[in-house]
């Protein structure tokens, strides 16, 4: 922290945190899939990342998993910080409030289906 201002994370750190998020989505899916009544079915969840102007859209199979803020700013009048994770309001737009941040040490704000309600 410099003069009370927290600097934005470096690009390499952002990429590592995004990789960790995708990996944790896969881990949560494997945990859920292990509890199914068909244990011989081994299917990986397909995660795709689509960068946009303000947000990175995360797609799971054929649906929107959620959005990640690329930089500090505001969304619908609510401040967002780089790395904030938001639920999807529609295919193109994130919901209003953040659910967690990819830089948090505790990554328990989401499931493989999407960010949790808080």
C-alpha atoms as a PDB file:
ATOM      1  CA  UNK A   1       0.000   0.000   0.000  1.00  0.00           C
ATOM      2  CA  UNK A   2       1.408   3.370  -1.034  1.00  0.00           C
ATOM      3  CA  UNK A   3       0.033   6.490   0.705  1.00  0.00           C
ATOM      4  CA  UNK A   4      -3.103   4.577   1.638  1.00  0.00           C
ATOM      5  CA  UNK A   5      -3.740   3.522  -1.969  1.00  0.00           C
ATOM      6  CA  UNK A   6      -3.694  -0.155  -2.838  1.00  0.00           C
ATOM      7  CA  UNK A   7      -2.017  -0.551  -6.247  1.00  0.00           C
ATOM      8  CA  UNK A   8      -3.760  -2.533  -8.981  1.00  0.00           C
ATOM      9  CA  UNK A   9      -2.446  -6.083  -9.323  1.00  0.00           C
ATOM     10  CA  UNK A  10       0.073  -6.749 -12.071  1.00  0.00           C
ATOM     11  CA  UNK A  11      -1.207  -8.418 -15.229  1.00  0.00           C
ATOM     12  CA  UNK A  12       0.649 -11.655 -14.450  1.00  0.00           C
ATOM     13  CA  UNK A  13      -1.043 -11.827 -11.051  1.00  0.00           C
ATOM     14  CA  UNK A  14      -4.451 -11.328 -12.677  1.00  0.00           C
ATOM     15  CA  UNK A  15      -3.814 -14.180 -15.116  1.00  0.00           C
ATOM     16  CA  UNK A  16      -2.669 -16.481 -12.306  1.00  0.00           C
ATOM     17  CA  UNK A  17      -5.766 -15.628 -10.258  1.00  0.00           C
ATOM     18  CA  UNK A  18      -8.034 -16.315 -13.267  1.00  0.00           C
ATOM     19  CA  UNK A  19      -6.308 -19.669 -13.788  1.00  0.00           C
ATOM     20  CA  UNK A  20      -6.839 -20.472 -10.100  1.00  0.00           C
ATOM     21  CA  UNK A  21     -10.547 -19.572 -10.409  1.00  0.00           C
ATOM     22  CA  UNK A  22     -11.008 -21.871 -13.416  1.00  0.00           C
ATOM     23  CA  UNK A  23      -9.104 -24.642 -11.640  1.00  0.00           C
ATOM     24  CA  UNK A  24     -11.292 -24.255  -8.543  1.00  0.00           C
ATOM     25  CA  UNK A  25     -14.432 -24.413 -10.695  1.00  0.00           C
ATOM     26  CA  UNK A  26     -13.170 -27.735 -12.070  1.00  0.00           C
ATOM     27  CA  UNK A  27     -12.363 -28.976  -8.545  1.00  0.00           C
ATOM     28  CA  UNK A  28     -15.865 -28.087  -7.316  1.00  0.00           C
ATOM     29  CA  UNK A  29     -17.377 -29.858 -10.324  1.00  0.00           C
ATOM     30  CA  UNK A  30     -15.311 -32.994  -9.621  1.00  0.00           C
ATOM     31  CA  UNK A  31     -16.439 -32.882  -5.977  1.00  0.00           C
ATOM     32  CA  UNK A  32     -20.077 -32.623  -7.080  1.00  0.00           C
ATOM     33  CA  UNK A  33     -19.703 -35.244  -9.824  1.00  0.00           C
ATOM     34  CA  UNK A  34     -18.228 -37.739  -7.335  1.00  0.00           C
ATOM     35  CA  UNK A  35     -21.549 -37.710  -5.454  1.00  0.00           C
ATOM     36  CA  UNK A  36     -23.694 -38.681  -8.447  1.00  0.00           C
ATOM     37  CA  UNK A  37     -25.284 -42.077  -8.706  1.00  0.00           C
ATOM     38  CA  UNK A  38     -23.393 -42.691 -11.964  1.00  0.00           C
ATOM     39  CA  UNK A  39     -19.727 -42.698 -10.908  1.00  0.00           C
ATOM     40  CA  UNK A  40     -18.553 -44.211 -14.207  1.00  0.00           C
ATOM     41  CA  UNK A  41     -19.573 -41.039 -16.066  1.00  0.00           C
ATOM     42  CA  UNK A  42     -16.463 -38.887 -16.288  1.00  0.00           C
ATOM     43  CA  UNK A  43     -17.171 -35.571 -17.949  1.00  0.00           C
ATOM     44  CA  UNK A  44     -15.212 -32.380 -17.487  1.00  0.00           C
ATOM     45  CA  UNK A  45     -17.048 -29.093 -17.312  1.00  0.00           C
ATOM     46  CA  UNK A  46     -16.082 -26.928 -20.296  1.00  0.00           C
ATOM     47  CA  UNK A  47     -14.927 -23.449 -19.191  1.00  0.00           C
ATOM     48  CA  UNK A  48     -14.327 -20.700 -21.775  1.00  0.00           C
ATOM     49  CA  UNK A  49     -13.085 -17.174 -21.066  1.00  0.00           C
ATOM     50  CA  UNK A  50     -14.248 -14.304 -23.301  1.00  0.00           C
ATOM     51  CA  UNK A  51     -12.669 -10.897 -22.565  1.00  0.00           C
ATOM     52  CA  UNK A  52     -14.812  -7.815 -23.063  1.00  0.00           C
ATOM     53  CA  UNK A  53     -14.305  -4.086 -22.603  1.00  0.00           C
ATOM     54  CA  UNK A  54     -14.972  -3.912 -18.828  1.00  0.00           C
ATOM     55  CA  UNK A  55     -15.543  -7.537 -17.824  1.00  0.00           C
ATOM     56  CA  UNK A  56     -14.313 -11.009 -18.616  1.00  0.00           C
ATOM     57  CA  UNK A  57     -17.219 -13.360 -19.316  1.00  0.00           C
ATOM     58  CA  UNK A  58     -16.781 -16.916 -18.052  1.00  0.00           C
ATOM     59  CA  UNK A  59     -18.824 -19.487 -19.951  1.00  0.00           C
ATOM     60  CA  UNK A  60     -19.637 -22.930 -18.568  1.00  0.00           C
ATOM     61  CA  UNK A  61     -20.663 -25.324 -21.322  1.00  0.00           C
ATOM     62  CA  UNK A  62     -23.414 -23.290 -23.078  1.00  0.00           C
ATOM     63  CA  UNK A  63     -24.302 -20.827 -20.318  1.00  0.00           C
ATOM     64  CA  UNK A  64     -22.761 -17.819 -18.607  1.00  0.00           C
ATOM     65  CA  UNK A  65     -21.051 -18.807 -15.332  1.00  0.00           C
ATOM     66  CA  UNK A  66     -20.343 -15.206 -14.308  1.00  0.00           C
ATOM     67  CA  UNK A  67     -18.237 -12.126 -14.969  1.00  0.00           C
ATOM     68  CA  UNK A  68     -14.897 -10.838 -13.622  1.00  0.00           C
ATOM     69  CA  UNK A  69     -14.104  -7.100 -13.530  1.00  0.00           C
ATOM     70  CA  UNK A  70     -10.988  -6.224 -15.520  1.00  0.00           C
ATOM     71  CA  UNK A  71     -10.269  -2.916 -13.767  1.00  0.00           C
ATOM     72  CA  UNK A  72     -11.451  -0.676 -10.949  1.00  0.00           C
ATOM     73  CA  UNK A  73     -14.561   1.344 -11.717  1.00  0.00           C
ATOM     74  CA  UNK A  74     -18.312   1.318 -11.252  1.00  0.00           C
ATOM     75  CA  UNK A  75     -21.060  -0.949 -12.535  1.00  0.00           C
ATOM     76  CA  UNK A  76     -24.667   0.218 -12.268  1.00  0.00           C
ATOM     77  CA  UNK A  77     -23.605   2.780  -9.664  1.00  0.00           C
ATOM     78  CA  UNK A  78     -21.818   0.237  -7.459  1.00  0.00           C
ATOM     79  CA  UNK A  79     -18.004   0.394  -7.203  1.00  0.00           C
ATOM     80  CA  UNK A  80     -16.107  -2.662  -8.455  1.00  0.00           C
ATOM     81  CA  UNK A  81     -12.467  -3.567  -7.970  1.00  0.00           C
ATOM     82  CA  UNK A  82     -10.296  -5.428 -10.470  1.00  0.00           C
ATOM     83  CA  UNK A  83     -10.943  -9.138  -9.976  1.00  0.00           C
ATOM     84  CA  UNK A  84     -14.458  -8.801  -8.535  1.00  0.00           C
ATOM     85  CA  UNK A  85     -16.718 -11.710  -9.515  1.00  0.00           C
ATOM     86  CA  UNK A  86     -20.329 -10.966 -10.431  1.00  0.00           C
ATOM     87  CA  UNK A  87     -23.264 -13.253 -11.236  1.00  0.00           C
ATOM     88  CA  UNK A  88     -24.773 -13.034 -14.702  1.00  0.00           C
ATOM     89  CA  UNK A  89     -27.921 -10.938 -15.061  1.00  0.00           C
ATOM     90  CA  UNK A  90     -28.212 -11.989 -18.708  1.00  0.00           C
ATOM     91  CA  UNK A  91     -26.054 -13.410 -21.474  1.00  0.00           C
ATOM     92  CA  UNK A  92     -24.451  -9.996 -22.043  1.00  0.00           C
ATOM     93  CA  UNK A  93     -24.574  -8.232 -18.654  1.00  0.00           C
ATOM     94  CA  UNK A  94     -23.356  -8.900 -15.111  1.00  0.00           C
ATOM     95  CA  UNK A  95     -25.623  -8.480 -12.099  1.00  0.00           C
ATOM     96  CA  UNK A  96     -25.259  -5.446  -9.872  1.00  0.00           C
ATOM     97  CA  UNK A  97     -23.367  -6.722  -6.802  1.00  0.00           C
ATOM     98  CA  UNK A  98     -20.042  -8.494  -6.410  1.00  0.00           C
ATOM     99  CA  UNK A  99     -19.932 -12.024  -4.949  1.00  0.00           C
ATOM    100  CA  UNK A 100     -16.200 -12.325  -4.285  1.00  0.00           C
ATOM    101  CA  UNK A 101     -12.796 -11.510  -5.719  1.00  0.00           C
ATOM    102  CA  UNK A 102     -10.323 -13.722  -7.549  1.00  0.00           C
ATOM    103  CA  UNK A 103      -7.514 -12.369  -5.358  1.00  0.00           C
ATOM    104  CA  UNK A 104      -9.162 -13.462  -2.077  1.00  0.00           C
ATOM    105  CA  UNK A 105      -7.366 -16.238  -0.228  1.00  0.00           C
ATOM    106  CA  UNK A 106     -10.688 -17.822   0.715  1.00  0.00           C
ATOM    107  CA  UNK A 107     -12.290 -19.049  -2.513  1.00  0.00           C
ATOM    108  CA  UNK A 108     -15.683 -20.187  -1.184  1.00  0.00           C
ATOM    109  CA  UNK A 109     -18.015 -17.695  -2.872  1.00  0.00           C
ATOM    110  CA  UNK A 110     -18.877 -19.865  -5.882  1.00  0.00           C
ATOM    111  CA  UNK A 111     -19.864 -23.323  -7.076  1.00  0.00           C
ATOM    112  CA  UNK A 112     -19.269 -24.924 -10.438  1.00  0.00           C
ATOM    113  CA  UNK A 113     -22.692 -23.631 -11.462  1.00  0.00           C
ATOM    114  CA  UNK A 114     -21.817 -19.976 -10.763  1.00  0.00           C
ATOM    115  CA  UNK A 115     -21.160 -17.413  -8.028  1.00  0.00           C
ATOM    116  CA  UNK A 116     -23.235 -17.818  -4.861  1.00  0.00           C
ATOM    117  CA  UNK A 117     -25.908 -15.417  -3.654  1.00  0.00           C
ATOM    118  CA  UNK A 118     -24.762 -13.457  -0.617  1.00  0.00           C
END
